Protein backbone atom coordinates (compact mmCIF):
# COMPACT_ATOMS: atom_id res chain seq x y z
CA GLU A 1 -9.84 -11.30 -1.42
CA CYS A 2 -11.72 -10.20 1.66
CA ARG A 3 -12.36 -6.50 2.14
CA VAL A 4 -13.55 -5.17 5.46
CA GLY A 5 -15.01 -1.68 5.30
CA GLY A 6 -13.09 -0.95 2.09
CA PHE A 7 -9.75 -1.99 3.56
CA LEU A 8 -7.66 -5.02 2.73
CA PRO A 9 -6.87 -7.32 5.65
CA ALA A 10 -3.42 -7.09 7.24
CA HIS A 11 -2.36 -10.54 5.94
CA PHE A 12 -2.72 -9.22 2.35
CA PHE A 13 -0.04 -6.58 2.96
CA TRP A 14 2.16 -9.07 4.83
CA SER A 15 2.01 -11.56 1.97
CA PHE A 16 2.67 -8.84 -0.64
CA MET A 17 5.69 -7.63 1.36
CA ASN A 18 7.00 -11.22 1.56
CA LEU A 19 6.40 -11.59 -2.17
CA GLN A 20 8.20 -8.31 -2.94
CA GLU A 21 11.16 -9.26 -0.73
CA SER A 22 11.43 -12.74 -2.25
CA ILE A 23 11.31 -11.38 -5.80
CA GLU A 24 13.85 -8.64 -5.06
CA ARG A 25 16.24 -11.11 -3.42
CA THR A 26 16.02 -13.43 -6.45
CA VAL A 27 16.27 -10.73 -9.13
CA THR A 28 19.19 -8.87 -7.53
CA GLY A 29 20.90 -12.18 -6.79
CA LEU A 30 20.91 -12.87 -10.53
CA GLY A 31 22.52 -9.46 -11.17
CA TYR A 32 19.46 -7.53 -12.36
CA ASP A 33 17.66 -4.47 -11.03
CA LEU A 34 14.06 -4.97 -9.87
CA VAL A 35 12.04 -2.11 -11.35
CA ASP A 36 8.47 -3.04 -10.40
CA VAL A 37 6.23 -5.81 -9.06
CA GLU A 38 2.52 -5.80 -9.80
CA ARG A 39 -0.22 -8.23 -8.84
CA SER A 40 -3.17 -8.16 -11.21
CA ALA A 41 -6.50 -9.89 -11.54
CA ARG A 42 -6.68 -13.66 -11.80
CA GLY A 43 -3.32 -14.21 -10.10
CA LEU A 44 -1.08 -12.51 -12.66
CA LEU A 45 2.27 -11.55 -11.18
CA ARG A 46 4.07 -9.01 -13.38
CA VAL A 47 7.77 -8.35 -12.71
CA SER A 48 9.84 -5.71 -14.53
CA ILE A 49 13.62 -6.04 -14.54
CA ASP A 50 16.50 -4.00 -15.89
CA ARG A 51 20.16 -4.65 -16.50
CA VAL A 52 22.67 -3.12 -14.08
CA PRO A 53 25.32 -0.94 -15.77
CA GLY A 54 28.77 -2.50 -15.62
CA HIS A 55 27.51 -6.03 -14.91
CA ALA A 56 28.64 -8.76 -17.31
CA TYR A 57 25.76 -10.67 -18.91
CA ALA A 58 25.64 -13.57 -21.35
CA GLU A 59 25.20 -11.43 -24.43
CA ALA A 60 22.66 -11.94 -27.13
CA LEU A 61 23.70 -10.40 -30.43
CA GLY A 62 23.43 -6.61 -30.12
CA ALA A 63 21.77 -6.68 -26.65
CA GLY A 64 24.14 -4.23 -24.96
CA GLU A 65 22.40 -2.43 -22.12
CA PHE A 66 18.88 -3.66 -22.93
CA VAL A 67 17.01 -6.56 -21.32
CA THR A 68 16.73 -9.57 -23.67
CA ILE A 69 14.29 -12.46 -23.89
CA ASP A 70 17.06 -14.65 -22.46
CA ASP A 71 17.30 -12.34 -19.44
CA CYS A 72 13.53 -12.61 -18.89
CA GLU A 73 13.64 -16.40 -19.24
CA THR A 74 16.50 -16.70 -16.75
CA VAL A 75 14.73 -14.55 -14.16
CA SER A 76 11.36 -16.22 -14.79
CA ARG A 77 12.80 -19.71 -14.33
CA GLN A 78 14.55 -18.76 -11.10
CA LEU A 79 11.48 -16.93 -9.75
CA GLN A 80 9.31 -20.00 -10.34
CA TYR A 81 11.64 -22.01 -8.10
CA SER A 82 12.16 -19.39 -5.40
CA LEU A 83 8.47 -18.46 -5.10
CA GLU A 84 7.56 -22.15 -4.75
CA VAL A 85 10.24 -22.65 -2.07
CA ASP A 86 9.02 -19.55 -0.22
CA GLY A 87 5.41 -20.80 -0.48
CA LEU A 88 4.19 -17.66 -2.24
CA ALA A 89 1.22 -18.23 -4.53
CA TYR A 90 0.54 -16.84 -7.99
CA GLU A 91 -1.27 -18.15 -11.08
CA ARG A 92 0.78 -16.70 -13.93
CA LEU A 93 4.19 -15.06 -14.00
CA GLU A 94 5.24 -12.41 -16.51
CA VAL A 95 8.81 -11.06 -16.52
CA SER A 96 9.63 -8.17 -18.85
CA SER A 97 11.86 -5.19 -19.44
CA PRO A 98 10.63 -1.85 -18.09
CA GLY A 99 10.37 -0.47 -21.63
CA LEU A 100 11.80 2.66 -23.18
CA ASP A 101 9.74 4.84 -20.83
CA ARG A 102 11.18 3.12 -17.73
CA PRO A 103 9.63 4.31 -14.46
CA LEU A 104 11.88 5.93 -11.86
CA LYS A 105 10.74 4.90 -8.40
CA ARG A 106 13.67 4.77 -6.00
CA PRO A 107 16.42 7.30 -5.21
CA ALA A 108 18.91 4.95 -6.94
CA ASP A 109 16.84 5.21 -10.15
CA PHE A 110 17.05 9.02 -10.08
CA GLU A 111 20.81 8.86 -9.46
CA ARG A 112 21.33 6.35 -12.28
CA PHE A 113 19.39 8.38 -14.84
CA SER A 114 20.63 11.84 -13.85
CA GLY A 115 21.35 13.79 -17.03
CA GLN A 116 18.59 12.07 -19.01
CA ALA A 117 15.26 13.43 -20.24
CA VAL A 118 12.36 12.54 -17.93
CA ASP A 119 8.64 13.18 -17.56
CA VAL A 120 7.68 14.03 -13.97
CA THR A 121 4.13 14.16 -12.62
CA LEU A 122 3.84 15.86 -9.25
CA LYS A 123 1.29 14.92 -6.59
CA LEU A 124 0.23 18.57 -6.24
CA ALA A 125 0.17 21.20 -8.96
CA PHE A 126 2.96 23.77 -9.09
CA GLN A 127 2.27 26.96 -11.07
CA GLY A 128 -1.00 25.42 -12.23
CA ARG A 129 0.36 22.17 -13.61
CA LYS A 130 1.43 18.74 -12.41
CA HIS A 131 3.21 17.42 -15.52
CA TRP A 132 6.77 18.60 -16.24
CA LYS A 133 9.34 17.51 -18.80
CA GLY A 134 13.07 18.15 -18.85
CA THR A 135 16.55 16.88 -18.04
CA LEU A 136 17.07 15.39 -14.58
CA VAL A 137 19.82 17.14 -12.61
CA ALA A 138 21.29 15.87 -9.33
CA THR A 139 21.94 18.39 -6.54
CA PRO A 140 24.18 18.14 -3.46
CA THR A 141 21.03 18.22 -1.29
CA ALA A 142 18.12 15.77 -1.04
CA ALA A 143 16.28 17.76 -3.72
CA TRP A 144 16.38 17.13 -7.47
CA LYS A 145 16.12 19.56 -10.35
CA LEU A 146 14.54 19.31 -13.73
CA ALA A 147 16.09 21.55 -16.40
CA LEU A 148 12.89 22.32 -18.27
CA ASP A 149 12.25 21.92 -22.01
CA GLY A 150 10.06 23.73 -24.50
CA GLU A 151 8.61 27.15 -23.71
CA MET A 152 10.16 26.99 -20.22
CA ALA A 153 13.70 26.23 -21.45
CA GLY A 154 16.35 27.85 -19.26
CA GLN A 155 14.26 27.41 -16.10
CA GLU A 156 14.51 24.69 -13.46
CA LEU A 157 11.97 22.91 -11.29
CA THR A 158 13.30 21.78 -7.89
CA PHE A 159 11.48 18.91 -6.17
CA ASN A 160 11.83 16.19 -3.54
CA LEU A 161 11.04 12.56 -4.36
CA ASP A 162 8.10 12.50 -1.93
CA GLU A 163 6.44 15.19 -4.10
CA VAL A 164 6.52 12.94 -7.20
CA ARG A 165 3.51 10.84 -8.20
CA GLU A 166 5.25 9.33 -11.23
CA ALA A 167 8.51 9.80 -13.11
CA ARG A 168 9.48 8.09 -16.36
CA LEU A 169 12.31 8.28 -18.85
CA VAL A 170 11.42 10.02 -22.09
CA PRO A 171 11.79 7.35 -24.80
CA VAL A 172 14.64 7.98 -27.21
CA ILE A 173 14.15 6.14 -30.47
CA ASP A 174 16.95 6.03 -33.01
CA PHE A 175 15.93 5.06 -36.53
CA LYS A 176 19.35 5.69 -38.07
CA GLY A 177 19.76 2.04 -39.03
CA ARG A 178 16.44 2.10 -40.90
CA ARG A 179 16.92 5.23 -42.96
CA LYS A 180 16.88 4.82 -46.66
CA THR A 181 19.85 6.34 -48.34
CA ALA A 182 19.36 8.52 -51.34
CA PRO A 183 20.32 6.86 -54.62
CA ALA A 184 23.72 7.89 -55.90
CA LYS A 185 23.63 10.35 -58.75
CA GLY A 186 25.51 9.06 -61.68
């Protein structure tokens, strides 16, 4: 990697854009949603995928809406072929689910997860803070609203996507299947 005056050369961005486009074309062609692409040290290429609601998948037992190992294997295998054909280099490939705290990056992500609990970090502080938590609410305009939780319950934060540094789903973990039942009294 050659840096000139602290900047990456133009061919770096061109190759990353080609890489991103190639990966997105392959992932969406297989019926998945591309969540994120990350290039890390030593040639690691990390790709996060998600299932698309309403799409029929070869189901693993109890998979439902969640990405399975089989999904990751399918995408990984196809990416290996397509990246080689496109002449895009990498050392190691890692395909995974986005996790329970899935990042929201594109307008389609915000639309899909409207009505769900999210953590939003703004680029600039509003009322002295950047981090907000609440339920995502769609509006008829380009703005979004967050129905706030906790001590600010009943209030809303209105924001545009260009004001957001990071947004993630709040993980919802259900341990119902692991609860011990109380012994029957006899």
